[in-house]
Amino acid sequence: MIIPAVFISPGPVLFQLGPITLRWYGLLIALAVLIGLNLSSWLAKQRNLESGLISDLLPILVLAAIVGARLYYVAFEWRSYQNSWWDVFAIWQGG
C-alpha cells in the first residue's frame, strides 16, 4: 500500500548574493568534507598516526574527487562531448 505524502522542496538554491549562488548540494558536499576531515583526524589520533597528514592531503583529495567525478560524468555522457571536447573542462555548466 502506498501512502500519499506531500514533500515540499526548498528548491536547488540555498541563497544568492549578487552573482554568487550557493546551492544545497554545495553546502552538503562542504559539510561532508568537513565531517570526513574531523572523523579521519579523530581516527588518526586513536591509532597513534600523525593527524596533520590528513589535513595536508585534503586539497589533493578534494581536487582528485572533483576530477574523478567529472571524468565519470563525461564517460557516461560522451555523446554530449564527442563533437566539442573542450566542453569537458566547462565544469561550471554542470555535470
Protein backbone atom coordinates (compact mmCIF):
# COMPACT_ATOMS: atom_id res chain seq x y z
CA MET A 1 0.00 0.00 0.00
CA ILE A 2 1.35 3.38 -0.94
CA ILE A 3 0.69 6.20 1.46
CA PRO A 4 0.38 9.54 -0.30
CA ALA A 5 2.67 12.17 1.10
CA VAL A 6 3.41 15.76 0.32
CA PHE A 7 7.04 16.79 0.17
CA ILE A 8 7.85 20.46 -0.08
CA SER A 9 11.10 21.02 -1.91
CA PRO A 10 13.13 24.02 -0.82
CA GLY A 11 14.46 24.38 -4.37
CA PRO A 12 18.03 23.97 -5.57
CA VAL A 13 19.29 27.41 -4.45
CA LEU A 14 20.16 27.94 -0.79
CA PHE A 15 20.78 31.66 -1.26
CA GLN A 16 22.07 34.10 -3.84
CA LEU A 17 24.31 37.07 -3.16
CA GLY A 18 24.80 39.06 -6.36
CA PRO A 19 26.45 36.84 -8.96
CA ILE A 20 27.31 34.18 -6.35
CA THR A 21 24.78 31.39 -5.94
CA LEU A 22 25.10 28.80 -3.19
CA ARG A 23 23.18 25.62 -3.89
CA TRP A 24 22.07 23.00 -1.41
CA TYR A 25 24.29 20.29 -2.86
CA GLY A 26 27.34 22.55 -2.48
CA LEU A 27 26.57 23.08 1.19
CA LEU A 28 26.06 19.36 1.73
CA ILE A 29 29.31 18.46 -0.05
CA ALA A 30 31.23 21.03 2.04
CA LEU A 31 29.69 19.62 5.22
CA ALA A 32 30.61 16.08 4.14
CA VAL A 33 34.24 17.13 3.55
CA LEU A 34 34.43 18.80 6.98
CA ILE A 35 32.86 15.81 8.73
CA GLY A 36 35.22 13.46 6.86
CA LEU A 37 38.22 15.59 7.84
CA ASN A 38 37.23 15.62 11.50
CA LEU A 39 36.42 11.91 11.55
CA SER A 40 39.66 10.90 9.85
CA SER A 41 41.69 13.16 12.17
CA TRP A 42 39.98 11.58 15.17
CA LEU A 43 40.67 8.08 13.83
CA ALA A 44 44.31 9.01 13.20
CA LYS A 45 44.68 10.10 16.83
CA GLN A 46 43.04 6.88 18.02
CA ARG A 47 45.55 4.83 16.04
CA ASN A 48 48.55 6.98 17.02
CA LEU A 49 49.05 8.26 13.50
CA GLU A 50 50.04 11.77 12.51
CA SER A 51 46.76 13.68 12.24
CA GLY A 52 48.40 16.60 10.39
CA LEU A 53 48.89 14.34 7.40
CA ILE A 54 45.13 14.19 6.90
CA SER A 55 44.76 17.96 6.64
CA ASP A 56 47.84 18.15 4.39
CA LEU A 57 46.29 15.69 1.95
CA LEU A 58 42.83 17.31 1.96
CA PRO A 59 43.35 19.72 -1.00
CA ILE A 60 44.78 16.91 -3.14
CA LEU A 61 41.92 14.58 -2.22
CA VAL A 62 39.25 17.20 -2.95
CA LEU A 63 40.82 18.01 -6.33
CA ALA A 64 41.08 14.30 -7.17
CA ALA A 65 37.41 13.83 -6.23
CA ILE A 66 36.32 16.70 -8.49
CA VAL A 67 38.39 15.46 -11.44
CA GLY A 68 37.25 11.87 -10.90
CA ALA A 69 33.59 12.85 -10.71
CA ARG A 70 33.89 14.90 -13.90
CA LEU A 71 35.61 12.05 -15.76
CA TYR A 72 32.87 9.67 -14.62
CA TYR A 73 30.17 12.07 -15.83
CA VAL A 74 31.86 12.65 -19.20
CA ALA A 75 32.38 8.90 -19.71
CA PHE A 76 28.65 8.25 -19.36
CA GLU A 77 27.55 11.37 -21.27
CA TRP A 78 30.09 11.03 -24.07
CA ARG A 79 27.57 11.79 -26.83
CA SER A 80 27.27 15.33 -25.48
CA TYR A 81 31.04 15.88 -25.64
CA GLN A 82 32.28 13.94 -28.66
CA ASN A 83 31.90 16.89 -31.06
CA SER A 84 33.15 19.61 -28.72
CA TRP A 85 35.70 18.08 -26.40
CA TRP A 86 36.65 21.46 -24.90
CA ASP A 87 33.29 21.37 -23.10
CA VAL A 88 34.71 18.55 -20.97
CA PHE A 89 36.53 21.24 -18.98
CA ALA A 90 33.48 23.51 -18.58
CA ILE A 91 32.57 22.30 -15.09
CA TRP A 92 30.61 25.49 -14.39
CA GLN A 93 27.97 24.26 -16.85
CA GLY A 94 27.08 21.37 -14.56
CA GLY A 95 27.67 17.67 -14.66
